[in-house]
Amino acid sequence: MDIAALSIALSQSSASQSAGILLTKKALDTAEGNSTQLLKMIEAPHPNLGGTIDVKA
């Protein structure tokens, strides 16, 4: 195989791998942000809910 062609193929492979890693990092950051927002929503329930229990039959 020609050295120039091998060099180009290796460079393209490296660029593709770098792009895949960056995309995965972005997806991970987005998922982390979504989970943080979800946890904040769960931690702050409505203040009037759960204060009393109706035990009438």
PDB file of N, CA and C in Angstrom:
ATOM      1  N   MET A   1       0.850  -1.174   0.000  1.00  0.00           N
ATOM      2  CA  MET A   1       0.000   0.000   0.000  1.00  0.00           C
ATOM      3  C   MET A   1       0.894   1.236   0.000  1.00  0.00           C
ATOM      4  N   ASP A   2       0.472   2.222  -0.684  1.00  0.00           N
ATOM      5  CA  ASP A   2       1.190   3.483  -0.772  1.00  0.00           C
ATOM      6  C   ASP A   2       1.187   4.172   0.593  1.00  0.00           C
ATOM      7  N   ILE A   3       2.318   4.722   0.986  1.00  0.00           N
ATOM      8  CA  ILE A   3       2.447   5.383   2.290  1.00  0.00           C
ATOM      9  C   ILE A   3       1.520   6.600   2.377  1.00  0.00           C
ATOM     10  N   ALA A   4       1.374   7.344   1.313  1.00  0.00           N
ATOM     11  CA  ALA A   4       0.500   8.521   1.315  1.00  0.00           C
ATOM     12  C   ALA A   4      -0.958   8.110   1.521  1.00  0.00           C
ATOM     13  N   ALA A   5      -1.386   7.055   0.859  1.00  0.00           N
ATOM     14  CA  ALA A   5      -2.766   6.579   1.010  1.00  0.00           C
ATOM     15  C   ALA A   5      -3.008   6.066   2.427  1.00  0.00           C
ATOM     16  N   LEU A   6      -2.011   5.372   2.968  1.00  0.00           N
ATOM     17  CA  LEU A   6      -2.117   4.876   4.341  1.00  0.00           C
ATOM     18  C   LEU A   6      -2.205   6.031   5.323  1.00  0.00           C
ATOM     19  N   SER A   7      -1.430   7.067   5.088  1.00  0.00           N
ATOM     20  CA  SER A   7      -1.451   8.242   5.952  1.00  0.00           C
ATOM     21  C   SER A   7      -2.807   8.942   5.913  1.00  0.00           C
ATOM     22  N   ILE A   8      -3.371   9.067   4.727  1.00  0.00           N
ATOM     23  CA  ILE A   8      -4.683   9.702   4.581  1.00  0.00           C
ATOM     24  C   ILE A   8      -5.754   8.866   5.272  1.00  0.00           C
ATOM     25  N   ALA A   9      -5.713   7.564   5.092  1.00  0.00           N
ATOM     26  CA  ALA A   9      -6.696   6.679   5.723  1.00  0.00           C
ATOM     27  C   ALA A   9      -6.601   6.748   7.242  1.00  0.00           C
ATOM     28  N   LEU A  10      -5.389   6.771   7.758  1.00  0.00           N
ATOM     29  CA  LEU A  10      -5.193   6.858   9.204  1.00  0.00           C
ATOM     30  C   LEU A  10      -5.686   8.193   9.739  1.00  0.00           C
ATOM     31  N   SER A  11      -5.450   9.259   9.002  1.00  0.00           N
ATOM     32  CA  SER A  11      -5.909  10.585   9.411  1.00  0.00           C
ATOM     33  C   SER A  11      -7.421  10.656   9.428  1.00  0.00           C
ATOM     34  N   GLN A  12      -8.076  10.102   8.415  1.00  0.00           N
ATOM     35  CA  GLN A  12      -9.536  10.105   8.366  1.00  0.00           C
ATOM     36  C   GLN A  12     -10.124   9.263   9.496  1.00  0.00           C
ATOM     37  N   SER A  13      -9.494   8.163   9.789  1.00  0.00           N
ATOM     38  CA  SER A  13      -9.957   7.311  10.875  1.00  0.00           C
ATOM     39  C   SER A  13      -9.834   8.032  12.208  1.00  0.00           C
ATOM     40  N   SER A  14      -8.732   8.729  12.391  1.00  0.00           N
ATOM     41  CA  SER A  14      -8.518   9.478  13.627  1.00  0.00           C
ATOM     42  C   SER A  14      -9.539  10.602  13.764  1.00  0.00           C
ATOM     43  N   ALA A  15      -9.829  11.301  12.684  1.00  0.00           N
ATOM     44  CA  ALA A  15     -10.812  12.387  12.720  1.00  0.00           C
ATOM     45  C   ALA A  15     -12.200  11.835  13.018  1.00  0.00           C
ATOM     46  N   SER A  16     -12.526  10.709  12.433  1.00  0.00           N
ATOM     47  CA  SER A  16     -13.829  10.090  12.672  1.00  0.00           C
ATOM     48  C   SER A  16     -13.960   9.654  14.124  1.00  0.00           C
ATOM     49  N   GLN A  17     -12.913   9.096  14.666  1.00  0.00           N
ATOM     50  CA  GLN A  17     -12.926   8.661  16.061  1.00  0.00           C
ATOM     51  C   GLN A  17     -13.057   9.856  16.990  1.00  0.00           C
ATOM     52  N   SER A  18     -12.361  10.938  16.695  1.00  0.00           N
ATOM     53  CA  SER A  18     -12.447  12.151  17.508  1.00  0.00           C
ATOM     54  C   SER A  18     -13.856  12.730  17.479  1.00  0.00           C
ATOM     55  N   ALA A  19     -14.467  12.727  16.318  1.00  0.00           N
ATOM     56  CA  ALA A  19     -15.835  13.230  16.201  1.00  0.00           C
ATOM     57  C   ALA A  19     -16.797  12.356  17.004  1.00  0.00           C
ATOM     58  N   GLY A  20     -16.603  11.066  16.964  1.00  0.00           N
ATOM     59  CA  GLY A  20     -17.455  10.158  17.739  1.00  0.00           C
ATOM     60  C   GLY A  20     -17.309  10.382  19.231  1.00  0.00           C
ATOM     61  N   ILE A  21     -16.099  10.616  19.683  1.00  0.00           N
ATOM     62  CA  ILE A  21     -15.849  10.870  21.100  1.00  0.00           C
ATOM     63  C   ILE A  21     -16.497  12.181  21.523  1.00  0.00           C
ATOM     64  N   LEU A  22     -16.369  13.216  20.709  1.00  0.00           N
ATOM     65  CA  LEU A  22     -16.986  14.498  21.035  1.00  0.00           C
ATOM     66  C   LEU A  22     -18.504  14.386  21.094  1.00  0.00           C
ATOM     67  N   LEU A  23     -19.085  13.643  20.170  1.00  0.00           N
ATOM     68  CA  LEU A  23     -20.537  13.450  20.154  1.00  0.00           C
ATOM     69  C   LEU A  23     -20.988  12.696  21.397  1.00  0.00           C
ATOM     70  N   THR A  24     -20.233  11.693  21.802  1.00  0.00           N
ATOM     71  CA  THR A  24     -20.566  10.929  23.000  1.00  0.00           C
ATOM     72  C   THR A  24     -20.468  11.804  24.247  1.00  0.00           C
ATOM     73  N   LYS A  25     -19.443  12.649  24.326  1.00  0.00           N
ATOM     74  CA  LYS A  25     -19.303  13.559  25.464  1.00  0.00           C
ATOM     75  C   LYS A  25     -20.473  14.528  25.534  1.00  0.00           C
ATOM     76  N   LYS A  26     -20.909  15.038  24.388  1.00  0.00           N
ATOM     77  CA  LYS A  26     -22.040  15.964  24.347  1.00  0.00           C
ATOM     78  C   LYS A  26     -23.311  15.266  24.816  1.00  0.00           C
ATOM     79  N   ALA A  27     -23.535  14.044  24.384  1.00  0.00           N
ATOM     80  CA  ALA A  27     -24.707  13.283  24.812  1.00  0.00           C
ATOM     81  C   ALA A  27     -24.664  13.022  26.315  1.00  0.00           C
ATOM     82  N   LEU A  28     -23.497  12.725  26.840  1.00  0.00           N
ATOM     83  CA  LEU A  28     -23.343  12.493  28.272  1.00  0.00           C
ATOM     84  C   LEU A  28     -23.628  13.759  29.066  1.00  0.00           C
ATOM     85  N   ASP A  29     -23.138  14.906  28.600  1.00  0.00           N
ATOM     86  CA  ASP A  29     -23.403  16.178  29.267  1.00  0.00           C
ATOM     87  C   ASP A  29     -24.892  16.503  29.256  1.00  0.00           C
ATOM     88  N   THR A  30     -25.551  16.246  28.148  1.00  0.00           N
ATOM     89  CA  THR A  30     -26.985  16.499  28.042  1.00  0.00           C
ATOM     90  C   THR A  30     -27.764  15.597  28.995  1.00  0.00           C
ATOM     91  N   ALA A  31     -27.405  14.335  29.052  1.00  0.00           N
ATOM     92  CA  ALA A  31     -28.079  13.391  29.952  1.00  0.00           C
ATOM     93  C   ALA A  31     -27.862  13.784  31.404  1.00  0.00           C
ATOM     94  N   GLU A  32     -26.670  14.250  31.725  1.00  0.00           N
ATOM     95  CA  GLU A  32     -26.379  14.679  33.092  1.00  0.00           C
ATOM     96  C   GLU A  32     -27.227  15.900  33.466  1.00  0.00           C
ATOM     97  N   GLY A  33     -27.354  16.839  32.551  1.00  0.00           N
ATOM     98  CA  GLY A  33     -28.179  18.017  32.799  1.00  0.00           C
ATOM     99  C   GLY A  33     -29.642  17.648  32.979  1.00  0.00           C
ATOM    100  N   ASN A  34     -30.132  16.737  32.146  1.00  0.00           N
ATOM    101  CA  ASN A  34     -31.519  16.296  32.267  1.00  0.00           C
ATOM    102  C   ASN A  34     -31.769  15.593  33.592  1.00  0.00           C
ATOM    103  N   SER A  35     -30.844  14.758  34.021  1.00  0.00           N
ATOM    104  CA  SER A  35     -31.030  14.044  35.283  1.00  0.00           C
ATOM    105  C   SER A  35     -30.971  15.006  36.467  1.00  0.00           C
ATOM    106  N   THR A  36     -30.131  16.025  36.390  1.00  0.00           N
ATOM    107  CA  THR A  36     -30.053  17.029  37.454  1.00  0.00           C
ATOM    108  C   THR A  36     -31.376  17.786  37.564  1.00  0.00           C
ATOM    109  N   GLN A  37     -31.941  18.162  36.429  1.00  0.00           N
ATOM    110  CA  GLN A  37     -33.228  18.862  36.446  1.00  0.00           C
ATOM    111  C   GLN A  37     -34.339  17.965  36.987  1.00  0.00           C
ATOM    112  N   LEU A  38     -34.323  16.704  36.629  1.00  0.00           N
ATOM    113  CA  LEU A  38     -35.332  15.768  37.111  1.00  0.00           C
ATOM    114  C   LEU A  38     -35.233  15.596  38.620  1.00  0.00           C
ATOM    115  N   LEU A  39     -34.024  15.491  39.145  1.00  0.00           N
ATOM    116  CA  LEU A  39     -33.848  15.357  40.586  1.00  0.00           C
ATOM    117  C   LEU A  39     -34.326  16.602  41.323  1.00  0.00           C
ATOM    118  N   LYS A  40     -34.096  17.776  40.760  1.00  0.00           N
ATOM    119  CA  LYS A  40     -34.584  19.011  41.378  1.00  0.00           C
ATOM    120  C   LYS A  40     -36.105  19.032  41.410  1.00  0.00           C
ATOM    121  N   MET A  41     -36.748  18.537  40.360  1.00  0.00           N
ATOM    122  CA  MET A  41     -38.207  18.496  40.317  1.00  0.00           C
ATOM    123  C   MET A  41     -38.752  17.528  41.365  1.00  0.00           C
ATOM    124  N   ILE A  42     -38.071  16.417  41.574  1.00  0.00           N
ATOM    125  CA  ILE A  42     -38.519  15.417  42.542  1.00  0.00           C
ATOM    126  C   ILE A  42     -38.339  15.923  43.971  1.00  0.00           C
ATOM    127  N   GLU A  43     -37.279  16.672  44.235  1.00  0.00           N
ATOM    128  CA  GLU A  43     -36.978  17.146  45.582  1.00  0.00           C
ATOM    129  C   GLU A  43     -37.943  18.230  46.055  1.00  0.00           C
ATOM    130  N   ALA A  44     -38.584  18.941  45.161  1.00  0.00           N
ATOM    131  CA  ALA A  44     -39.444  20.056  45.541  1.00  0.00           C
ATOM    132  C   ALA A  44     -40.914  19.732  45.260  1.00  0.00           C
ATOM    133  N   PRO A  45     -41.529  18.901  46.101  1.00  0.00           N
ATOM    134  CA  PRO A  45     -42.939  18.585  45.865  1.00  0.00           C
ATOM    135  C   PRO A  45     -43.833  19.770  46.228  1.00  0.00           C
ATOM    136  N   HIS A  46     -45.082  19.654  45.902  1.00  0.00           N
ATOM    137  CA  HIS A  46     -46.060  20.693  46.232  1.00  0.00           C
ATOM    138  C   HIS A  46     -46.163  20.798  47.757  1.00  0.00           C
ATOM    139  N   PRO A  47     -46.102  22.000  48.334  1.00  0.00           N
ATOM    140  CA  PRO A  47     -46.065  22.142  49.795  1.00  0.00           C
ATOM    141  C   PRO A  47     -47.342  21.692  50.501  1.00  0.00           C
ATOM    142  N   ASN A  48     -48.492  21.628  49.824  1.00  0.00           N
ATOM    143  CA  ASN A  48     -49.737  21.236  50.472  1.00  0.00           C
ATOM    144  C   ASN A  48     -50.023  19.741  50.357  1.00  0.00           C
ATOM    145  N   LEU A  49     -49.232  19.009  49.640  1.00  0.00           N
ATOM    146  CA  LEU A  49     -49.477  17.579  49.461  1.00  0.00           C
ATOM    147  C   LEU A  49     -48.807  16.775  50.571  1.00  0.00           C
ATOM    148  N   GLY A  50     -49.504  15.784  51.087  1.00  0.00           N
ATOM    149  CA  GLY A  50     -48.932  14.873  52.066  1.00  0.00           C
ATOM    150  C   GLY A  50     -48.956  15.376  53.490  1.00  0.00           C
ATOM    151  N   GLY A  51     -49.569  16.506  53.727  1.00  0.00           N
ATOM    152  CA  GLY A  51     -49.607  17.048  55.094  1.00  0.00           C
ATOM    153  C   GLY A  51     -50.632  16.386  55.984  1.00  0.00           C
ATOM    154  N   THR A  52     -51.704  15.876  55.392  1.00  0.00           N
ATOM    155  CA  THR A  52     -52.764  15.228  56.172  1.00  0.00           C
ATOM    156  C   THR A  52     -53.155  13.914  55.507  1.00  0.00           C
ATOM    157  N   ILE A  53     -53.733  13.035  56.332  1.00  0.00           N
ATOM    158  CA  ILE A  53     -54.189  11.746  55.815  1.00  0.00           C
ATOM    159  C   ILE A  53     -55.677  11.625  56.141  1.00  0.00           C
ATOM    160  N   ASP A  54     -56.487  11.314  55.151  1.00  0.00           N
ATOM    161  CA  ASP A  54     -57.926  11.115  55.349  1.00  0.00           C
ATOM    162  C   ASP A  54     -58.159   9.648  55.705  1.00  0.00           C
ATOM    163  N   VAL A  55     -58.576   9.397  56.955  1.00  0.00           N
ATOM    164  CA  VAL A  55     -58.760   8.023  57.396  1.00  0.00           C
ATOM    165  C   VAL A  55     -60.241   7.670  57.556  1.00  0.00           C
ATOM    166  N   LYS A  56     -61.127   8.454  56.969  1.00  0.00           N
ATOM    167  CA  LYS A  56     -62.571   8.151  57.045  1.00  0.00           C
ATOM    168  C   LYS A  56     -62.879   6.913  56.213  1.00  0.00           C
ATOM    169  N   ALA A  57     -63.786   6.120  56.734  1.00  0.00           N
ATOM    170  CA  ALA A  57     -64.146   4.899  56.033  1.00  0.00           C
ATOM    171  C   ALA A  57     -65.279   5.087  55.066  1.00  0.00           C
TER     172      ALA A  57
END
